PDB file of N, CA and C in Angstrom:
ATOM      1  N   MET A   1       0.938   9.998  -1.893  1.00  0.00           N
ATOM      2  CA  MET A   1       1.899  10.991  -2.328  1.00  0.00           C
ATOM      3  C   MET A   1       1.981  12.061  -1.243  1.00  0.00           C
ATOM      4  N   ARG A   2       3.164  12.400  -0.819  1.00  0.00           N
ATOM      5  CA  ARG A   2       3.362  13.408   0.225  1.00  0.00           C
ATOM      6  C   ARG A   2       3.839  14.694  -0.430  1.00  0.00           C
ATOM      7  N   LEU A   3       2.943  15.651  -0.544  1.00  0.00           N
ATOM      8  CA  LEU A   3       3.258  16.932  -1.166  1.00  0.00           C
ATOM      9  C   LEU A   3       3.662  17.949  -0.124  1.00  0.00           C
ATOM     10  N   LYS A   4       4.569  18.838  -0.506  1.00  0.00           N
ATOM     11  CA  LYS A   4       5.000  19.918   0.370  1.00  0.00           C
ATOM     12  C   LYS A   4       4.884  21.232  -0.377  1.00  0.00           C
ATOM     13  N   THR A   5       4.712  22.305   0.374  1.00  0.00           N
ATOM     14  CA  THR A   5       4.699  23.637  -0.221  1.00  0.00           C
ATOM     15  C   THR A   5       5.996  23.844  -0.990  1.00  0.00           C
ATOM     16  N   GLY A   6       5.860  24.309  -2.225  1.00  0.00           N
ATOM     17  CA  GLY A   6       7.025  24.559  -3.062  1.00  0.00           C
ATOM     18  C   GLY A   6       7.314  23.468  -4.071  1.00  0.00           C
ATOM     19  N   ASP A   7       6.709  22.281  -3.889  1.00  0.00           N
ATOM     20  CA  ASP A   7       6.887  21.218  -4.882  1.00  0.00           C
ATOM     21  C   ASP A   7       6.351  21.699  -6.225  1.00  0.00           C
ATOM     22  N   ILE A   8       6.999  21.288  -7.289  1.00  0.00           N
ATOM     23  CA  ILE A   8       6.559  21.610  -8.641  1.00  0.00           C
ATOM     24  C   ILE A   8       5.795  20.400  -9.161  1.00  0.00           C
ATOM     25  N   VAL A   9       4.569  20.649  -9.648  1.00  0.00           N
ATOM     26  CA  VAL A   9       3.714  19.555 -10.101  1.00  0.00           C
ATOM     27  C   VAL A   9       3.239  19.809 -11.532  1.00  0.00           C
ATOM     28  N   GLU A  10       2.859  18.723 -12.181  1.00  0.00           N
ATOM     29  CA  GLU A  10       2.325  18.795 -13.536  1.00  0.00           C
ATOM     30  C   GLU A  10       0.839  18.472 -13.479  1.00  0.00           C
ATOM     31  N   LEU A  11       0.025  19.366 -14.015  1.00  0.00           N
ATOM     32  CA  LEU A  11      -1.413  19.160 -14.069  1.00  0.00           C
ATOM     33  C   LEU A  11      -1.722  18.051 -15.062  1.00  0.00           C
ATOM     34  N   GLN A  12      -2.553  17.107 -14.664  1.00  0.00           N
ATOM     35  CA  GLN A  12      -2.914  15.975 -15.513  1.00  0.00           C
ATOM     36  C   GLN A  12      -4.245  16.237 -16.220  1.00  0.00           C
ATOM     37  N   PRO A  13      -4.428  15.717 -17.431  1.00  0.00           N
ATOM     38  CA  PRO A  13      -5.660  15.946 -18.193  1.00  0.00           C
ATOM     39  C   PRO A  13      -6.803  15.031 -17.739  1.00  0.00           C
ATOM     40  N   THR A  14      -7.197  15.140 -16.480  1.00  0.00           N
ATOM     41  CA  THR A  14      -8.203  14.240 -15.914  1.00  0.00           C
ATOM     42  C   THR A  14      -9.639  14.671 -16.207  1.00  0.00           C
ATOM     43  N   ASP A  15      -9.839  15.938 -16.585  1.00  0.00           N
ATOM     44  CA  ASP A  15     -11.186  16.408 -16.929  1.00  0.00           C
ATOM     45  C   ASP A  15     -11.085  17.521 -17.975  1.00  0.00           C
ATOM     46  N   ASN A  16     -12.236  17.988 -18.449  1.00  0.00           N
ATOM     47  CA  ASN A  16     -12.241  18.994 -19.513  1.00  0.00           C
ATOM     48  C   ASN A  16     -11.557  20.290 -19.108  1.00  0.00           C
ATOM     49  N   ARG A  17     -11.769  20.748 -17.877  1.00  0.00           N
ATOM     50  CA  ARG A  17     -11.147  22.000 -17.427  1.00  0.00           C
ATOM     51  C   ARG A  17      -9.625  21.865 -17.405  1.00  0.00           C
ATOM     52  N   ASN A  18      -9.125  20.767 -16.890  1.00  0.00           N
ATOM     53  CA  ASN A  18      -7.675  20.570 -16.859  1.00  0.00           C
ATOM     54  C   ASN A  18      -7.109  20.507 -18.278  1.00  0.00           C
ATOM     55  N   ARG A  19      -7.806  19.811 -19.184  1.00  0.00           N
ATOM     56  CA  ARG A  19      -7.340  19.738 -20.572  1.00  0.00           C
ATOM     57  C   ARG A  19      -7.312  21.130 -21.209  1.00  0.00           C
ATOM     58  N   GLN A  20      -8.318  21.956 -20.885  1.00  0.00           N
ATOM     59  CA  GLN A  20      -8.342  23.313 -21.413  1.00  0.00           C
ATOM     60  C   GLN A  20      -7.169  24.127 -20.875  1.00  0.00           C
ATOM     61  N   LEU A  21      -6.901  24.028 -19.582  1.00  0.00           N
ATOM     62  CA  LEU A  21      -5.775  24.760 -19.000  1.00  0.00           C
ATOM     63  C   LEU A  21      -4.450  24.330 -19.625  1.00  0.00           C
ATOM     64  N   ILE A  22      -4.312  23.037 -19.878  1.00  0.00           N
ATOM     65  CA  ILE A  22      -3.072  22.519 -20.443  1.00  0.00           C
ATOM     66  C   ILE A  22      -2.925  22.910 -21.912  1.00  0.00           C
ATOM     67  N   ASN A  23      -3.956  22.686 -22.706  1.00  0.00           N
ATOM     68  CA  ASN A  23      -3.853  22.873 -24.154  1.00  0.00           C
ATOM     69  C   ASN A  23      -4.026  24.318 -24.616  1.00  0.00           C
ATOM     70  N   GLN A  24      -5.063  24.990 -24.153  1.00  0.00           N
ATOM     71  CA  GLN A  24      -5.327  26.344 -24.623  1.00  0.00           C
ATOM     72  C   GLN A  24      -4.517  27.390 -23.871  1.00  0.00           C
ATOM     73  N   ASP A  25      -4.438  27.236 -22.567  1.00  0.00           N
ATOM     74  CA  ASP A  25      -3.782  28.247 -21.744  1.00  0.00           C
ATOM     75  C   ASP A  25      -2.314  27.950 -21.460  1.00  0.00           C
ATOM     76  N   LYS A  26      -1.850  26.758 -21.872  1.00  0.00           N
ATOM     77  CA  LYS A  26      -0.443  26.349 -21.679  1.00  0.00           C
ATOM     78  C   LYS A  26      -0.032  26.373 -20.211  1.00  0.00           C
ATOM     79  N   LYS A  27      -0.957  25.961 -19.343  1.00  0.00           N
ATOM     80  CA  LYS A  27      -0.688  25.939 -17.898  1.00  0.00           C
ATOM     81  C   LYS A  27      -0.518  24.497 -17.447  1.00  0.00           C
ATOM     82  N   ARG A  28       0.631  23.927 -17.715  1.00  0.00           N
ATOM     83  CA  ARG A  28       0.901  22.532 -17.368  1.00  0.00           C
ATOM     84  C   ARG A  28       1.650  22.422 -16.037  1.00  0.00           C
ATOM     85  N   ILE A  29       2.617  23.313 -15.808  1.00  0.00           N
ATOM     86  CA  ILE A  29       3.485  23.231 -14.626  1.00  0.00           C
ATOM     87  C   ILE A  29       3.013  24.235 -13.578  1.00  0.00           C
ATOM     88  N   TRP A  30       2.794  23.729 -12.356  1.00  0.00           N
ATOM     89  CA  TRP A  30       2.270  24.519 -11.243  1.00  0.00           C
ATOM     90  C   TRP A  30       3.143  24.307 -10.004  1.00  0.00           C
ATOM     91  N   GLU A  31       2.974  25.170  -9.005  1.00  0.00           N
ATOM     92  CA  GLU A  31       3.671  25.046  -7.720  1.00  0.00           C
ATOM     93  C   GLU A  31       2.645  24.802  -6.623  1.00  0.00           C
ATOM     94  N   VAL A  32       2.964  23.911  -5.704  1.00  0.00           N
ATOM     95  CA  VAL A  32       2.078  23.639  -4.566  1.00  0.00           C
ATOM     96  C   VAL A  32       2.164  24.801  -3.582  1.00  0.00           C
ATOM     97  N   VAL A  33       1.003  25.372  -3.258  1.00  0.00           N
ATOM     98  CA  VAL A  33       0.934  26.461  -2.282  1.00  0.00           C
ATOM     99  C   VAL A  33       0.633  25.887  -0.902  1.00  0.00           C
ATOM    100  N   LYS A  34      -0.378  25.001  -0.843  1.00  0.00           N
ATOM    101  CA  LYS A  34      -0.698  24.339   0.426  1.00  0.00           C
ATOM    102  C   LYS A  34      -1.598  23.145   0.157  1.00  0.00           C
ATOM    103  N   THR A  35      -1.706  22.299   1.169  1.00  0.00           N
ATOM    104  CA  THR A  35      -2.602  21.150   1.098  1.00  0.00           C
ATOM    105  C   THR A  35      -3.618  21.268   2.222  1.00  0.00           C
ATOM    106  N   SER A  36      -4.766  20.636   2.033  1.00  0.00           N
ATOM    107  CA  SER A  36      -5.812  20.681   3.049  1.00  0.00           C
ATOM    108  C   SER A  36      -6.517  19.330   3.085  1.00  0.00           C
ATOM    109  N   THR A  37      -6.954  18.941   4.269  1.00  0.00           N
ATOM    110  CA  THR A  37      -7.671  17.672   4.406  1.00  0.00           C
ATOM    111  C   THR A  37      -9.133  17.804   4.013  1.00  0.00           C
ATOM    112  N   ARG A  38      -9.657  19.046   3.977  1.00  0.00           N
ATOM    113  CA  ARG A  38     -11.055  19.279   3.586  1.00  0.00           C
ATOM    114  C   ARG A  38     -11.151  20.565   2.775  1.00  0.00           C
ATOM    115  N   VAL A  39     -11.598  20.421   1.534  1.00  0.00           N
ATOM    116  CA  VAL A  39     -11.786  21.581   0.662  1.00  0.00           C
ATOM    117  C   VAL A  39     -13.256  21.616   0.252  1.00  0.00           C
ATOM    118  N   GLN A  40     -13.944  22.688   0.602  1.00  0.00           N
ATOM    119  CA  GLN A  40     -15.370  22.783   0.339  1.00  0.00           C
ATOM    120  C   GLN A  40     -15.686  22.619  -1.150  1.00  0.00           C
ATOM    121  N   GLY A  41     -14.906  23.224  -2.018  1.00  0.00           N
ATOM    122  CA  GLY A  41     -15.133  23.143  -3.455  1.00  0.00           C
ATOM    123  C   GLY A  41     -14.917  21.754  -4.035  1.00  0.00           C
ATOM    124  N   LEU A  42     -14.312  20.868  -3.259  1.00  0.00           N
ATOM    125  CA  LEU A  42     -14.078  19.491  -3.695  1.00  0.00           C
ATOM    126  C   LEU A  42     -14.947  18.523  -2.902  1.00  0.00           C
ATOM    127  N   GLY A  43     -16.071  19.000  -2.404  1.00  0.00           N
ATOM    128  CA  GLY A  43     -16.982  18.142  -1.642  1.00  0.00           C
ATOM    129  C   GLY A  43     -16.416  17.732  -0.297  1.00  0.00           C
ATOM    130  N   ASN A  44     -15.662  18.629   0.339  1.00  0.00           N
ATOM    131  CA  ASN A  44     -14.998  18.389   1.629  1.00  0.00           C
ATOM    132  C   ASN A  44     -14.009  17.237   1.582  1.00  0.00           C
ATOM    133  N   GLU A  45     -13.494  16.962   0.412  1.00  0.00           N
ATOM    134  CA  GLU A  45     -12.432  15.969   0.233  1.00  0.00           C
ATOM    135  C   GLU A  45     -11.078  16.666   0.336  1.00  0.00           C
ATOM    136  N   PRO A  46      -9.991  15.906   0.516  1.00  0.00           N
ATOM    137  CA  PRO A  46      -8.656  16.516   0.542  1.00  0.00           C
ATOM    138  C   PRO A  46      -8.328  17.178  -0.792  1.00  0.00           C
ATOM    139  N   GLY A  47      -7.532  18.233  -0.722  1.00  0.00           N
ATOM    140  CA  GLY A  47      -7.156  18.933  -1.939  1.00  0.00           C
ATOM    141  C   GLY A  47      -5.825  19.630  -1.823  1.00  0.00           C
ATOM    142  N   VAL A  48      -5.368  20.123  -2.959  1.00  0.00           N
ATOM    143  CA  VAL A  48      -4.080  20.804  -3.052  1.00  0.00           C
ATOM    144  C   VAL A  48      -4.309  22.136  -3.760  1.00  0.00           C
ATOM    145  N   LEU A  49      -3.850  23.223  -3.153  1.00  0.00           N
ATOM    146  CA  LEU A  49      -3.903  24.531  -3.792  1.00  0.00           C
ATOM    147  C   LEU A  49      -2.638  24.687  -4.612  1.00  0.00           C
ATOM    148  N   ILE A  50      -2.817  24.890  -5.921  1.00  0.00           N
ATOM    149  CA  ILE A  50      -1.660  25.026  -6.803  1.00  0.00           C
ATOM    150  C   ILE A  50      -1.660  26.415  -7.442  1.00  0.00           C
ATOM    151  N   LEU A  51      -0.471  26.884  -7.814  1.00  0.00           N
ATOM    152  CA  LEU A  51      -0.276  28.214  -8.379  1.00  0.00           C
ATOM    153  C   LEU A  51       0.490  28.101  -9.677  1.00  0.00           C
ATOM    154  N   HIS A  52      -0.045  28.730 -10.722  1.00  0.00           N
ATOM    155  CA  HIS A  52       0.698  28.859 -11.973  1.00  0.00           C
ATOM    156  C   HIS A  52       1.506  30.141 -11.835  1.00  0.00           C
ATOM    157  N   ARG A  53       2.810  30.016 -11.700  1.00  0.00           N
ATOM    158  CA  ARG A  53       3.663  31.151 -11.345  1.00  0.00           C
ATOM    159  C   ARG A  53       3.573  32.317 -12.319  1.00  0.00           C
ATOM    160  N   ILE A  54       3.550  32.044 -13.607  1.00  0.00           N
ATOM    161  CA  ILE A  54       3.599  33.119 -14.603  1.00  0.00           C
ATOM    162  C   ILE A  54       2.348  33.983 -14.554  1.00  0.00           C
ATOM    163  N   THR A  55       1.176  33.345 -14.463  1.00  0.00           N
ATOM    164  CA  THR A  55      -0.092  34.089 -14.506  1.00  0.00           C
ATOM    165  C   THR A  55      -0.674  34.362 -13.124  1.00  0.00           C
ATOM    166  N   LYS A  56      -0.079  33.799 -12.083  1.00  0.00           N
ATOM    167  CA  LYS A  56      -0.565  33.932 -10.701  1.00  0.00           C
ATOM    168  C   LYS A  56      -1.959  33.326 -10.523  1.00  0.00           C
ATOM    169  N   HIS A  57      -2.322  32.380 -11.377  1.00  0.00           N
ATOM    170  CA  HIS A  57      -3.613  31.689 -11.304  1.00  0.00           C
ATOM    171  C   HIS A  57      -3.513  30.586 -10.245  1.00  0.00           C
ATOM    172  N   GLU A  58      -4.433  30.611  -9.273  1.00  0.00           N
ATOM    173  CA  GLU A  58      -4.491  29.581  -8.240  1.00  0.00           C
ATOM    174  C   GLU A  58      -5.757  28.760  -8.419  1.00  0.00           C
ATOM    175  N   ARG A  59      -5.676  27.467  -8.077  1.00  0.00           N
ATOM    176  CA  ARG A  59      -6.871  26.616  -8.092  1.00  0.00           C
ATOM    177  C   ARG A  59      -6.672  25.423  -7.179  1.00  0.00           C
ATOM    178  N   TRP A  60      -7.787  24.961  -6.607  1.00  0.00           N
ATOM    179  CA  TRP A  60      -7.782  23.764  -5.777  1.00  0.00           C
ATOM    180  C   TRP A  60      -8.014  22.559  -6.681  1.00  0.00           C
ATOM    181  N   VAL A  61      -7.243  21.518  -6.472  1.00  0.00           N
ATOM    182  CA  VAL A  61      -7.413  20.280  -7.231  1.00  0.00           C
ATOM    183  C   VAL A  61      -7.259  19.089  -6.290  1.00  0.00           C
ATOM    184  N   PRO A  62      -7.890  17.959  -6.630  1.00  0.00           N
ATOM    185  CA  PRO A  62      -7.624  16.739  -5.866  1.00  0.00           C
ATOM    186  C   PRO A  62      -6.223  16.235  -6.208  1.00  0.00           C
ATOM    187  N   GLU A  63      -5.603  15.482  -5.298  1.00  0.00           N
ATOM    188  CA  GLU A  63      -4.240  14.985  -5.538  1.00  0.00           C
ATOM    189  C   GLU A  63      -4.128  14.189  -6.824  1.00  0.00           C
ATOM    190  N   GLY A  64      -5.204  13.505  -7.219  1.00  0.00           N
ATOM    191  CA  GLY A  64      -5.173  12.697  -8.427  1.00  0.00           C
ATOM    192  C   GLY A  64      -5.065  13.493  -9.711  1.00  0.00           C
ATOM    193  N   ASP A  65      -5.237  14.813  -9.625  1.00  0.00           N
ATOM    194  CA  ASP A  65      -5.152  15.666 -10.814  1.00  0.00           C
ATOM    195  C   ASP A  65      -3.744  16.172 -11.091  1.00  0.00           C
ATOM    196  N   ILE A  66      -2.795  15.840 -10.222  1.00  0.00           N
ATOM    197  CA  ILE A  66      -1.430  16.334 -10.404  1.00  0.00           C
ATOM    198  C   ILE A  66      -0.417  15.207 -10.230  1.00  0.00           C
ATOM    199  N   ALA A  67       0.748  15.409 -10.818  1.00  0.00           N
ATOM    200  CA  ALA A  67       1.878  14.483 -10.658  1.00  0.00           C
ATOM    201  C   ALA A  67       3.100  15.317 -10.301  1.00  0.00           C
ATOM    202  N   ILE A  68       3.886  14.842  -9.358  1.00  0.00           N
ATOM    203  CA  ILE A  68       5.069  15.592  -8.935  1.00  0.00           C
ATOM    204  C   ILE A  68       6.101  15.613 -10.049  1.00  0.00           C
ATOM    205  N   SER A  69       6.595  16.813 -10.318  1.00  0.00           N
ATOM    206  CA  SER A  69       7.637  17.003 -11.316  1.00  0.00           C
ATOM    207  C   SER A  69       8.997  17.173 -10.621  1.00  0.00           C
ATOM    208  N   GLU A  70       9.022  18.023  -9.569  1.00  0.00           N
ATOM    209  CA  GLU A  70      10.245  18.244  -8.796  1.00  0.00           C
ATOM    210  C   GLU A  70       9.885  18.452  -7.330  1.00  0.00           C
ATOM    211  N   TYR A  71      10.596  17.759  -6.460  1.00  0.00           N
ATOM    212  CA  TYR A  71      10.399  17.937  -5.019  1.00  0.00           C
ATOM    213  C   TYR A  71      11.137  19.184  -4.560  1.00  0.00           C
ATOM    214  N   VAL A  72      10.563  19.910  -3.610  1.00  0.00           N
ATOM    215  CA  VAL A  72      11.166  21.140  -3.122  1.00  0.00           C
ATOM    216  C   VAL A  72      12.569  20.894  -2.561  1.00  0.00           C
ATOM    217  N   GLU A  73      12.803  19.736  -1.943  1.00  0.00           N
ATOM    218  CA  GLU A  73      14.138  19.439  -1.408  1.00  0.00           C
ATOM    219  C   GLU A  73      15.200  19.449  -2.506  1.00  0.00           C
ATOM    220  N   ASN A  74      14.812  19.046  -3.703  1.00  0.00           N
ATOM    221  CA  ASN A  74      15.753  19.003  -4.815  1.00  0.00           C
ATOM    222  C   ASN A  74      15.981  20.377  -5.414  1.00  0.00           C
ATOM    223  N   LEU A  75      15.110  21.338  -5.126  1.00  0.00           N
ATOM    224  CA  LEU A  75      15.237  22.679  -5.675  1.00  0.00           C
ATOM    225  C   LEU A  75      16.082  23.583  -4.791  1.00  0.00           C
ATOM    226  N   GLU A  76      16.187  23.246  -3.496  1.00  0.00           N
ATOM    227  CA  GLU A  76      16.942  24.075  -2.555  1.00  0.00           C
ATOM    228  C   GLU A  76      18.422  23.780  -2.680  1.00  0.00           C
ATOM    229  N   ILE A  77      19.208  24.849  -2.606  1.00  0.00           N
ATOM    230  CA  ILE A  77      20.678  24.687  -2.707  1.00  0.00           C
ATOM    231  C   ILE A  77      21.307  25.098  -1.408  1.00  0.00           C
TER     232      ILE A  77
END
């Protein structure tokens, strides 16, 4: 999956924290801020920094924890 800054992604319920964010906090839709080939918090594995626009909550997740909802190219007019 080729992610770009500005893509809109949906957080997947892959673990307890993600399920909590989705169900209790209603944080399902996020925006890609940046991608990295090595993220220390993910065991130096590749990761994606995502932002929940309404609450300004940012978190690093592995690519497998998100699914693309809208590509940034489709959002630009």
